[in-house]
N, C-alpha and C. Protein backbone atom coordinates (compact mmCIF):
# COMPACT_ATOMS: atom_id res chain seq x y z
N MET A 1 15.08 -20.21 -24.80
CA MET A 1 14.53 -21.55 -24.71
C MET A 1 14.29 -21.94 -23.25
N ARG A 2 15.25 -21.65 -22.40
CA ARG A 2 15.12 -22.00 -20.99
C ARG A 2 13.89 -21.33 -20.38
N GLN A 3 13.65 -20.06 -20.73
CA GLN A 3 12.51 -19.33 -20.18
C GLN A 3 11.20 -20.03 -20.55
N ASN A 4 11.05 -20.48 -21.80
CA ASN A 4 9.83 -21.18 -22.21
C ASN A 4 9.67 -22.49 -21.46
N ARG A 5 10.76 -23.22 -21.28
CA ARG A 5 10.69 -24.49 -20.54
C ARG A 5 10.25 -24.25 -19.10
N SER A 6 10.82 -23.23 -18.45
CA SER A 6 10.44 -22.90 -17.07
C SER A 6 8.98 -22.52 -17.00
N LYS A 7 8.52 -21.75 -17.98
CA LYS A 7 7.12 -21.34 -17.96
C LYS A 7 6.22 -22.56 -18.09
N ALA A 8 6.58 -23.51 -18.92
CA ALA A 8 5.77 -24.72 -19.08
C ALA A 8 5.70 -25.48 -17.76
N LEU A 9 6.80 -25.58 -17.03
CA LEU A 9 6.78 -26.24 -15.73
C LEU A 9 5.90 -25.47 -14.76
N PHE A 10 5.97 -24.16 -14.82
CA PHE A 10 5.20 -23.30 -13.93
C PHE A 10 3.71 -23.52 -14.14
N VAL A 11 3.29 -23.61 -15.39
CA VAL A 11 1.87 -23.74 -15.69
C VAL A 11 1.35 -25.14 -15.36
N ARG A 12 2.12 -26.18 -15.62
CA ARG A 12 1.63 -27.54 -15.46
C ARG A 12 1.70 -28.08 -14.04
N LYS A 13 2.61 -27.60 -13.23
CA LYS A 13 2.83 -28.18 -11.91
C LYS A 13 2.72 -27.13 -10.83
N LYS A 14 2.20 -27.55 -9.71
CA LYS A 14 2.14 -26.65 -8.56
C LYS A 14 3.39 -26.82 -7.70
N GLN A 15 4.03 -27.97 -7.76
CA GLN A 15 5.27 -28.19 -7.02
C GLN A 15 6.32 -28.72 -7.98
N VAL A 16 7.47 -28.08 -7.96
CA VAL A 16 8.56 -28.43 -8.86
C VAL A 16 9.77 -28.74 -8.00
N THR A 17 10.50 -29.81 -8.31
CA THR A 17 11.65 -30.19 -7.50
C THR A 17 12.93 -30.02 -8.30
N TRP A 18 13.89 -29.30 -7.68
CA TRP A 18 15.22 -29.14 -8.25
C TRP A 18 16.24 -29.48 -7.17
N HIS A 19 17.24 -30.25 -7.50
CA HIS A 19 18.36 -30.53 -6.60
C HIS A 19 17.91 -30.84 -5.18
N LYS A 20 16.93 -31.70 -5.03
CA LYS A 20 16.43 -32.16 -3.74
C LYS A 20 15.80 -31.04 -2.91
N THR A 21 15.48 -29.92 -3.54
CA THR A 21 14.82 -28.82 -2.84
C THR A 21 13.44 -28.64 -3.44
N LYS A 22 12.45 -28.60 -2.61
CA LYS A 22 11.08 -28.47 -3.07
C LYS A 22 10.72 -27.00 -3.24
N ALA A 23 10.32 -26.63 -4.42
CA ALA A 23 9.84 -25.28 -4.69
C ALA A 23 8.33 -25.36 -4.92
N THR A 24 7.59 -24.45 -4.36
CA THR A 24 6.14 -24.45 -4.52
C THR A 24 5.72 -23.23 -5.31
N VAL A 25 4.95 -23.45 -6.34
CA VAL A 25 4.43 -22.37 -7.17
C VAL A 25 3.02 -22.05 -6.66
N HIS A 26 2.75 -20.78 -6.50
CA HIS A 26 1.44 -20.32 -6.04
C HIS A 26 0.78 -19.55 -7.19
N PRO A 27 -0.02 -20.22 -8.01
CA PRO A 27 -0.62 -19.57 -9.19
C PRO A 27 -1.50 -18.38 -8.81
N ALA A 28 -1.51 -17.40 -9.68
CA ALA A 28 -2.30 -16.19 -9.44
C ALA A 28 -3.77 -16.50 -9.24
N ASP A 29 -4.29 -17.52 -9.92
CA ASP A 29 -5.72 -17.82 -9.80
C ASP A 29 -6.08 -18.54 -8.51
N SER A 30 -5.09 -18.81 -7.66
CA SER A 30 -5.37 -19.47 -6.38
C SER A 30 -5.37 -18.49 -5.21
N VAL A 31 -5.36 -17.19 -5.52
CA VAL A 31 -5.25 -16.15 -4.50
C VAL A 31 -6.53 -16.04 -3.66
N GLN A 32 -6.34 -15.92 -2.35
CA GLN A 32 -7.44 -15.68 -1.42
C GLN A 32 -7.46 -14.18 -1.15
N GLY A 33 -8.56 -13.52 -1.52
CA GLY A 33 -8.62 -12.08 -1.35
C GLY A 33 -9.77 -11.65 -0.44
N PHE A 34 -9.58 -10.50 0.21
CA PHE A 34 -10.62 -9.93 1.07
C PHE A 34 -10.33 -8.44 1.23
N TRP A 35 -11.26 -7.74 1.88
CA TRP A 35 -11.13 -6.30 2.10
C TRP A 35 -10.89 -6.01 3.57
N VAL A 36 -9.96 -5.12 3.86
CA VAL A 36 -9.73 -4.63 5.21
C VAL A 36 -9.91 -3.12 5.13
N MET A 37 -11.01 -2.66 5.73
CA MET A 37 -11.44 -1.27 5.58
C MET A 37 -11.54 -0.99 4.09
N GLY A 38 -10.80 -0.03 3.55
CA GLY A 38 -10.93 0.30 2.14
C GLY A 38 -9.96 -0.41 1.22
N ASP A 39 -9.02 -1.18 1.77
CA ASP A 39 -7.97 -1.80 0.96
C ASP A 39 -8.27 -3.28 0.70
N GLN A 40 -7.92 -3.72 -0.50
CA GLN A 40 -8.08 -5.13 -0.84
C GLN A 40 -6.76 -5.85 -0.57
N VAL A 41 -6.83 -6.93 0.17
CA VAL A 41 -5.65 -7.72 0.54
C VAL A 41 -5.78 -9.10 -0.08
N ALA A 42 -4.74 -9.54 -0.77
CA ALA A 42 -4.71 -10.87 -1.37
C ALA A 42 -3.51 -11.62 -0.80
N VAL A 43 -3.76 -12.70 -0.08
CA VAL A 43 -2.68 -13.52 0.47
C VAL A 43 -2.15 -14.37 -0.67
N ARG A 44 -0.89 -14.13 -1.05
CA ARG A 44 -0.29 -14.82 -2.19
C ARG A 44 0.42 -16.10 -1.80
N ALA A 45 1.12 -16.08 -0.65
CA ALA A 45 1.88 -17.27 -0.26
C ALA A 45 2.36 -17.15 1.18
N LYS A 46 2.63 -18.30 1.77
CA LYS A 46 3.29 -18.40 3.07
C LYS A 46 4.50 -19.29 2.87
N LEU A 47 5.64 -18.87 3.38
CA LEU A 47 6.85 -19.68 3.29
C LEU A 47 6.80 -20.72 4.40
N ALA A 48 6.66 -21.97 4.02
CA ALA A 48 6.53 -23.06 4.98
C ALA A 48 7.69 -23.06 5.97
N GLY A 49 7.36 -23.31 7.24
CA GLY A 49 8.37 -23.39 8.28
C GLY A 49 8.81 -22.04 8.82
N THR A 50 8.17 -20.96 8.36
CA THR A 50 8.51 -19.61 8.83
C THR A 50 7.21 -18.87 9.16
N ALA A 51 7.35 -17.65 9.63
CA ALA A 51 6.19 -16.78 9.87
C ALA A 51 6.02 -15.79 8.72
N LEU A 52 6.73 -16.00 7.60
CA LEU A 52 6.71 -15.04 6.49
C LEU A 52 5.58 -15.31 5.51
N ASN A 53 4.89 -14.24 5.14
CA ASN A 53 3.79 -14.30 4.20
C ASN A 53 3.97 -13.21 3.15
N VAL A 54 3.54 -13.49 1.93
CA VAL A 54 3.56 -12.50 0.86
C VAL A 54 2.11 -12.15 0.55
N ILE A 55 1.82 -10.84 0.56
CA ILE A 55 0.48 -10.37 0.22
C ILE A 55 0.58 -9.29 -0.84
N ASP A 56 -0.49 -9.11 -1.59
CA ASP A 56 -0.64 -7.96 -2.47
C ASP A 56 -1.73 -7.09 -1.85
N VAL A 57 -1.50 -5.79 -1.83
CA VAL A 57 -2.47 -4.85 -1.28
C VAL A 57 -2.82 -3.86 -2.38
N THR A 58 -4.12 -3.70 -2.64
CA THR A 58 -4.61 -2.70 -3.58
C THR A 58 -5.25 -1.59 -2.77
N VAL A 59 -4.73 -0.38 -2.95
CA VAL A 59 -5.18 0.79 -2.19
C VAL A 59 -5.91 1.73 -3.15
N PRO A 60 -7.24 1.81 -3.06
CA PRO A 60 -7.98 2.71 -3.93
C PRO A 60 -7.63 4.17 -3.64
N PRO A 61 -7.89 5.07 -4.59
CA PRO A 61 -7.65 6.49 -4.33
C PRO A 61 -8.38 6.93 -3.05
N GLY A 62 -7.66 7.67 -2.20
CA GLY A 62 -8.23 8.17 -0.96
C GLY A 62 -8.13 7.22 0.21
N SER A 63 -7.71 5.98 -0.02
CA SER A 63 -7.63 5.00 1.07
C SER A 63 -6.22 4.95 1.65
N GLY A 64 -6.08 4.24 2.76
CA GLY A 64 -4.79 4.07 3.40
C GLY A 64 -4.96 3.68 4.85
N THR A 65 -3.89 3.79 5.62
CA THR A 65 -3.92 3.44 7.04
C THR A 65 -3.62 4.68 7.87
N PRO A 66 -4.11 4.72 9.10
CA PRO A 66 -3.69 5.80 9.99
C PRO A 66 -2.27 5.52 10.48
N PRO A 67 -1.58 6.51 11.00
CA PRO A 67 -0.27 6.25 11.62
C PRO A 67 -0.43 5.22 12.73
N HIS A 68 0.49 4.26 12.76
CA HIS A 68 0.39 3.17 13.73
C HIS A 68 1.75 2.52 13.94
N THR A 69 1.83 1.66 14.95
CA THR A 69 3.01 0.83 15.18
C THR A 69 2.56 -0.59 15.46
N HIS A 70 3.46 -1.52 15.28
CA HIS A 70 3.24 -2.92 15.68
C HIS A 70 4.61 -3.58 15.78
N PRO A 71 4.69 -4.66 16.56
CA PRO A 71 5.99 -5.29 16.81
C PRO A 71 6.66 -5.90 15.57
N SER A 72 5.88 -6.26 14.57
CA SER A 72 6.45 -6.97 13.43
C SER A 72 6.98 -6.01 12.37
N ALA A 73 8.05 -6.44 11.72
CA ALA A 73 8.61 -5.69 10.60
C ALA A 73 7.80 -5.97 9.34
N GLU A 74 7.89 -5.08 8.37
CA GLU A 74 7.22 -5.25 7.08
C GLU A 74 8.14 -4.77 5.97
N ILE A 75 7.94 -5.33 4.79
CA ILE A 75 8.63 -4.85 3.59
C ILE A 75 7.56 -4.64 2.53
N PHE A 76 7.55 -3.45 1.90
CA PHE A 76 6.63 -3.15 0.81
C PHE A 76 7.43 -2.97 -0.48
N ARG A 77 6.94 -3.52 -1.59
CA ARG A 77 7.50 -3.23 -2.91
C ARG A 77 6.36 -2.70 -3.76
N ILE A 78 6.50 -1.47 -4.22
CA ILE A 78 5.44 -0.82 -4.98
C ILE A 78 5.42 -1.40 -6.39
N LEU A 79 4.23 -1.86 -6.81
CA LEU A 79 4.07 -2.46 -8.14
C LEU A 79 3.41 -1.50 -9.13
N GLU A 80 2.38 -0.77 -8.67
CA GLU A 80 1.66 0.17 -9.53
C GLU A 80 1.24 1.39 -8.72
N GLY A 81 1.28 2.57 -9.35
CA GLY A 81 0.80 3.79 -8.71
C GLY A 81 1.85 4.43 -7.80
N THR A 82 1.44 5.51 -7.15
CA THR A 82 2.32 6.25 -6.23
C THR A 82 1.67 6.26 -4.85
N LEU A 83 2.41 5.81 -3.86
CA LEU A 83 1.92 5.71 -2.49
C LEU A 83 2.67 6.70 -1.61
N THR A 84 1.95 7.37 -0.71
CA THR A 84 2.58 8.27 0.25
C THR A 84 2.81 7.48 1.54
N ILE A 85 4.06 7.39 1.96
CA ILE A 85 4.45 6.70 3.19
C ILE A 85 4.72 7.76 4.25
N TRP A 86 4.13 7.59 5.43
CA TRP A 86 4.35 8.49 6.56
C TRP A 86 5.18 7.75 7.60
N THR A 87 6.16 8.44 8.19
CA THR A 87 6.95 7.86 9.28
C THR A 87 7.46 8.99 10.18
N MET A 88 8.04 8.60 11.29
CA MET A 88 8.66 9.57 12.20
C MET A 88 10.16 9.30 12.20
N ILE A 89 10.95 10.34 12.03
CA ILE A 89 12.41 10.23 12.10
C ILE A 89 12.88 11.27 13.11
N ASP A 90 13.51 10.79 14.19
CA ASP A 90 13.98 11.67 15.28
C ASP A 90 12.86 12.58 15.78
N GLY A 91 11.66 12.03 15.90
CA GLY A 91 10.53 12.77 16.43
C GLY A 91 9.87 13.73 15.46
N VAL A 92 10.29 13.72 14.21
CA VAL A 92 9.73 14.62 13.20
C VAL A 92 9.00 13.79 12.14
N ALA A 93 7.75 14.16 11.87
CA ALA A 93 6.97 13.46 10.85
C ALA A 93 7.57 13.71 9.46
N GLN A 94 7.70 12.64 8.70
CA GLN A 94 8.23 12.72 7.33
C GLN A 94 7.28 11.97 6.40
N GLU A 95 7.14 12.47 5.17
CA GLU A 95 6.37 11.76 4.15
C GLU A 95 7.24 11.56 2.93
N TYR A 96 7.05 10.40 2.29
CA TYR A 96 7.79 10.04 1.09
C TYR A 96 6.82 9.54 0.05
N GLU A 97 7.03 9.94 -1.19
CA GLU A 97 6.25 9.42 -2.30
C GLU A 97 7.05 8.25 -2.87
N VAL A 98 6.45 7.07 -2.90
CA VAL A 98 7.13 5.90 -3.43
C VAL A 98 6.41 5.42 -4.69
N GLU A 99 7.20 4.97 -5.65
CA GLU A 99 6.69 4.63 -6.98
C GLU A 99 7.05 3.20 -7.35
N PRO A 100 6.50 2.71 -8.47
CA PRO A 100 6.79 1.32 -8.88
C PRO A 100 8.29 1.03 -8.88
N GLY A 101 8.62 -0.09 -8.25
CA GLY A 101 10.00 -0.53 -8.12
C GLY A 101 10.63 -0.14 -6.80
N ASP A 102 10.10 0.88 -6.12
CA ASP A 102 10.64 1.28 -4.82
C ASP A 102 10.30 0.23 -3.77
N VAL A 103 11.22 0.05 -2.83
CA VAL A 103 11.03 -0.88 -1.71
C VAL A 103 11.10 -0.08 -0.42
N VAL A 104 10.14 -0.33 0.47
CA VAL A 104 10.07 0.34 1.77
C VAL A 104 10.27 -0.72 2.84
N THR A 105 11.25 -0.54 3.72
CA THR A 105 11.43 -1.46 4.84
C THR A 105 11.00 -0.75 6.12
N ILE A 106 10.20 -1.45 6.91
CA ILE A 106 9.64 -0.87 8.13
C ILE A 106 10.02 -1.77 9.29
N PRO A 107 10.95 -1.34 10.15
CA PRO A 107 11.33 -2.17 11.30
C PRO A 107 10.15 -2.31 12.27
N GLY A 108 10.20 -3.34 13.08
CA GLY A 108 9.19 -3.51 14.12
C GLY A 108 9.12 -2.29 15.02
N ASN A 109 7.91 -1.90 15.41
CA ASN A 109 7.63 -0.77 16.29
C ASN A 109 7.93 0.61 15.69
N ALA A 110 8.26 0.68 14.40
CA ALA A 110 8.49 1.97 13.76
C ALA A 110 7.15 2.63 13.45
N PRO A 111 6.94 3.88 13.84
CA PRO A 111 5.70 4.57 13.47
C PRO A 111 5.63 4.70 11.95
N HIS A 112 4.48 4.35 11.39
CA HIS A 112 4.31 4.44 9.95
C HIS A 112 2.83 4.42 9.58
N GLY A 113 2.57 4.74 8.35
CA GLY A 113 1.24 4.67 7.77
C GLY A 113 1.38 4.94 6.29
N TYR A 114 0.31 4.77 5.53
CA TYR A 114 0.36 5.07 4.11
C TYR A 114 -1.00 5.56 3.64
N ARG A 115 -0.97 6.24 2.48
CA ARG A 115 -2.22 6.65 1.85
C ARG A 115 -2.00 6.80 0.35
N ASN A 116 -3.09 6.64 -0.37
CA ASN A 116 -3.07 6.86 -1.80
C ASN A 116 -3.73 8.21 -2.07
N ALA A 117 -2.91 9.21 -2.33
CA ALA A 117 -3.42 10.55 -2.61
C ALA A 117 -3.64 10.77 -4.10
N GLY A 118 -3.35 9.74 -4.91
CA GLY A 118 -3.46 9.88 -6.36
C GLY A 118 -4.83 9.49 -6.89
N PRO A 119 -4.99 9.60 -8.21
CA PRO A 119 -6.28 9.32 -8.86
C PRO A 119 -6.48 7.86 -9.27
N VAL A 120 -5.44 7.02 -9.15
CA VAL A 120 -5.56 5.62 -9.58
C VAL A 120 -5.17 4.70 -8.42
N PRO A 121 -5.65 3.46 -8.43
CA PRO A 121 -5.27 2.53 -7.36
C PRO A 121 -3.77 2.29 -7.31
N VAL A 122 -3.28 2.04 -6.10
CA VAL A 122 -1.88 1.65 -5.89
C VAL A 122 -1.89 0.17 -5.55
N ILE A 123 -0.94 -0.56 -6.11
CA ILE A 123 -0.78 -1.97 -5.75
C ILE A 123 0.64 -2.15 -5.24
N PHE A 124 0.74 -2.77 -4.06
CA PHE A 124 2.08 -3.10 -3.56
C PHE A 124 2.08 -4.52 -3.01
N MET A 125 3.24 -5.13 -3.10
CA MET A 125 3.48 -6.43 -2.52
C MET A 125 4.10 -6.20 -1.16
N ALA A 126 3.68 -6.97 -0.16
CA ALA A 126 4.26 -6.82 1.18
C ALA A 126 4.65 -8.19 1.72
N ILE A 127 5.70 -8.18 2.52
CA ILE A 127 6.08 -9.35 3.30
C ILE A 127 5.72 -9.02 4.73
N VAL A 128 4.86 -9.83 5.31
CA VAL A 128 4.36 -9.61 6.67
C VAL A 128 4.41 -10.92 7.45
N ASP A 129 4.31 -10.82 8.77
CA ASP A 129 4.36 -12.04 9.58
C ASP A 129 2.95 -12.59 9.84
N ASP A 130 2.91 -13.74 10.50
CA ASP A 130 1.64 -14.41 10.77
C ASP A 130 0.69 -13.57 11.61
N GLU A 131 1.21 -12.75 12.53
CA GLU A 131 0.34 -11.92 13.37
C GLU A 131 -0.42 -10.89 12.53
N MET A 132 0.26 -10.31 11.53
CA MET A 132 -0.43 -9.36 10.65
C MET A 132 -1.49 -10.08 9.81
N ILE A 133 -1.18 -11.28 9.34
CA ILE A 133 -2.17 -12.05 8.59
C ILE A 133 -3.37 -12.34 9.48
N ALA A 134 -3.13 -12.70 10.73
CA ALA A 134 -4.24 -12.98 11.66
C ALA A 134 -5.11 -11.73 11.84
N PHE A 135 -4.49 -10.57 11.96
CA PHE A 135 -5.25 -9.32 12.07
C PHE A 135 -6.07 -9.09 10.81
N PHE A 136 -5.42 -9.18 9.65
CA PHE A 136 -6.14 -8.95 8.39
C PHE A 136 -7.34 -9.89 8.26
N GLU A 137 -7.12 -11.16 8.56
CA GLU A 137 -8.20 -12.14 8.42
C GLU A 137 -9.35 -11.86 9.38
N GLU A 138 -9.02 -11.42 10.60
CA GLU A 138 -10.07 -11.14 11.57
C GLU A 138 -10.83 -9.85 11.21
N ALA A 139 -10.14 -8.89 10.61
CA ALA A 139 -10.77 -7.62 10.24
C ALA A 139 -11.43 -7.67 8.86
N ALA A 140 -11.27 -8.78 8.16
CA ALA A 140 -11.67 -8.89 6.76
C ALA A 140 -13.17 -8.87 6.52
N SER A 141 -13.48 -8.38 5.33
CA SER A 141 -14.83 -8.48 4.77
C SER A 141 -14.67 -9.06 3.37
N LYS A 142 -15.60 -9.90 2.97
CA LYS A 142 -15.55 -10.45 1.61
C LYS A 142 -16.07 -9.46 0.58
N ASP A 143 -16.81 -8.46 1.05
CA ASP A 143 -17.42 -7.48 0.15
C ASP A 143 -16.62 -6.19 0.12
N ALA A 144 -16.49 -5.63 -1.08
CA ALA A 144 -15.83 -4.33 -1.23
C ALA A 144 -16.67 -3.27 -0.52
N PRO A 145 -16.02 -2.29 0.08
CA PRO A 145 -16.78 -1.23 0.76
C PRO A 145 -17.61 -0.43 -0.26
N SER A 146 -18.78 0.01 0.18
CA SER A 146 -19.65 0.79 -0.71
C SER A 146 -19.48 2.29 -0.48
N GLY A 147 -18.60 2.66 0.43
CA GLY A 147 -18.36 4.07 0.74
C GLY A 147 -17.30 4.16 1.82
N PRO A 148 -17.17 5.34 2.42
CA PRO A 148 -16.18 5.49 3.50
C PRO A 148 -16.53 4.57 4.68
N PRO A 149 -15.53 4.20 5.48
CA PRO A 149 -15.81 3.35 6.65
C PRO A 149 -16.81 4.01 7.59
N THR A 150 -17.72 3.21 8.11
CA THR A 150 -18.68 3.71 9.09
C THR A 150 -18.02 3.75 10.47
N ALA A 151 -18.67 4.44 11.40
CA ALA A 151 -18.16 4.49 12.78
C ALA A 151 -18.06 3.08 13.36
N GLY A 152 -19.04 2.24 13.06
CA GLY A 152 -19.01 0.86 13.55
C GLY A 152 -17.83 0.08 13.02
N MET A 153 -17.53 0.24 11.72
CA MET A 153 -16.37 -0.44 11.13
C MET A 153 -15.07 0.03 11.78
N ILE A 154 -14.96 1.33 11.97
CA ILE A 154 -13.75 1.90 12.57
C ILE A 154 -13.58 1.39 14.00
N ASN A 155 -14.64 1.39 14.78
CA ASN A 155 -14.57 0.90 16.16
C ASN A 155 -14.17 -0.56 16.22
N ARG A 156 -14.71 -1.38 15.30
CA ARG A 156 -14.36 -2.80 15.27
C ARG A 156 -12.87 -2.99 14.99
N VAL A 157 -12.36 -2.25 14.01
CA VAL A 157 -10.93 -2.38 13.66
C VAL A 157 -10.06 -1.89 14.81
N ILE A 158 -10.46 -0.81 15.48
CA ILE A 158 -9.67 -0.31 16.62
C ILE A 158 -9.62 -1.37 17.72
N GLU A 159 -10.74 -2.05 17.96
CA GLU A 159 -10.74 -3.13 18.96
C GLU A 159 -9.78 -4.25 18.54
N LEU A 160 -9.80 -4.60 17.27
CA LEU A 160 -8.93 -5.67 16.78
C LEU A 160 -7.45 -5.29 16.84
N THR A 161 -7.13 -4.03 16.60
CA THR A 161 -5.73 -3.63 16.64
C THR A 161 -5.13 -3.91 18.01
N GLY A 162 -5.88 -3.62 19.07
CA GLY A 162 -5.39 -3.87 20.42
C GLY A 162 -5.10 -5.34 20.66
N ARG A 163 -5.95 -6.20 20.14
CA ARG A 163 -5.75 -7.65 20.32
C ARG A 163 -4.55 -8.18 19.54
N HIS A 164 -4.14 -7.46 18.51
CA HIS A 164 -3.05 -7.94 17.66
C HIS A 164 -1.76 -7.12 17.82
N GLY A 165 -1.66 -6.34 18.88
CA GLY A 165 -0.43 -5.62 19.15
C GLY A 165 -0.20 -4.40 18.28
N ILE A 166 -1.25 -3.91 17.63
CA ILE A 166 -1.15 -2.73 16.78
C ILE A 166 -1.62 -1.53 17.58
N ARG A 167 -0.84 -0.46 17.55
CA ARG A 167 -1.19 0.75 18.29
C ARG A 167 -1.42 1.88 17.29
N ILE A 168 -2.65 2.42 17.29
CA ILE A 168 -2.98 3.55 16.42
C ILE A 168 -2.45 4.82 17.08
N LEU A 169 -1.75 5.64 16.29
CA LEU A 169 -1.18 6.90 16.77
C LEU A 169 -2.12 8.04 16.40
N GLN A 170 -1.87 9.21 16.91
CA GLN A 170 -2.66 10.38 16.50
C GLN A 170 -2.43 10.64 15.03
N ALA A 171 -3.41 11.24 14.41
CA ALA A 171 -3.32 11.52 12.97
C ALA A 171 -2.08 12.36 12.67
N ALA A 172 -1.50 12.08 11.52
CA ALA A 172 -0.29 12.82 11.09
C ALA A 172 -0.64 14.22 10.67
């Protein structure tokens, strides 16, 4: 019974108050989405008064990021599909296959990257800071890519990474 009551509050109200604490519901149909290179990014929510943001990332087969670093930490929770995570541990490249339910924590400045080597899209939820959101928004396109990134697209993103404290590493 409680679950049905909560769901009714969730559907009817965007802000619900309990015990003098304001909770904000961010309905799925209010998502702002865009494309960054080959991946679709949907900004789900920002926690007021912090630099924390929740995004969903859809990674089509064959897409991903090059190895890179940035000052901000990230947390990924895999929702659908299998994602290959690349990192360096004690100077040695390591890859991990992560599946639905797995959580990946990435400290600031840790070398990392990801790719979807599988046949179906991967969806993961990430917690990122405002600087990453600023990068995504500046690199964004409203249109889905029609093929692999062009040289012009790659050069534009490389320029933006420098402005946002992201350093692209050599390919893994």
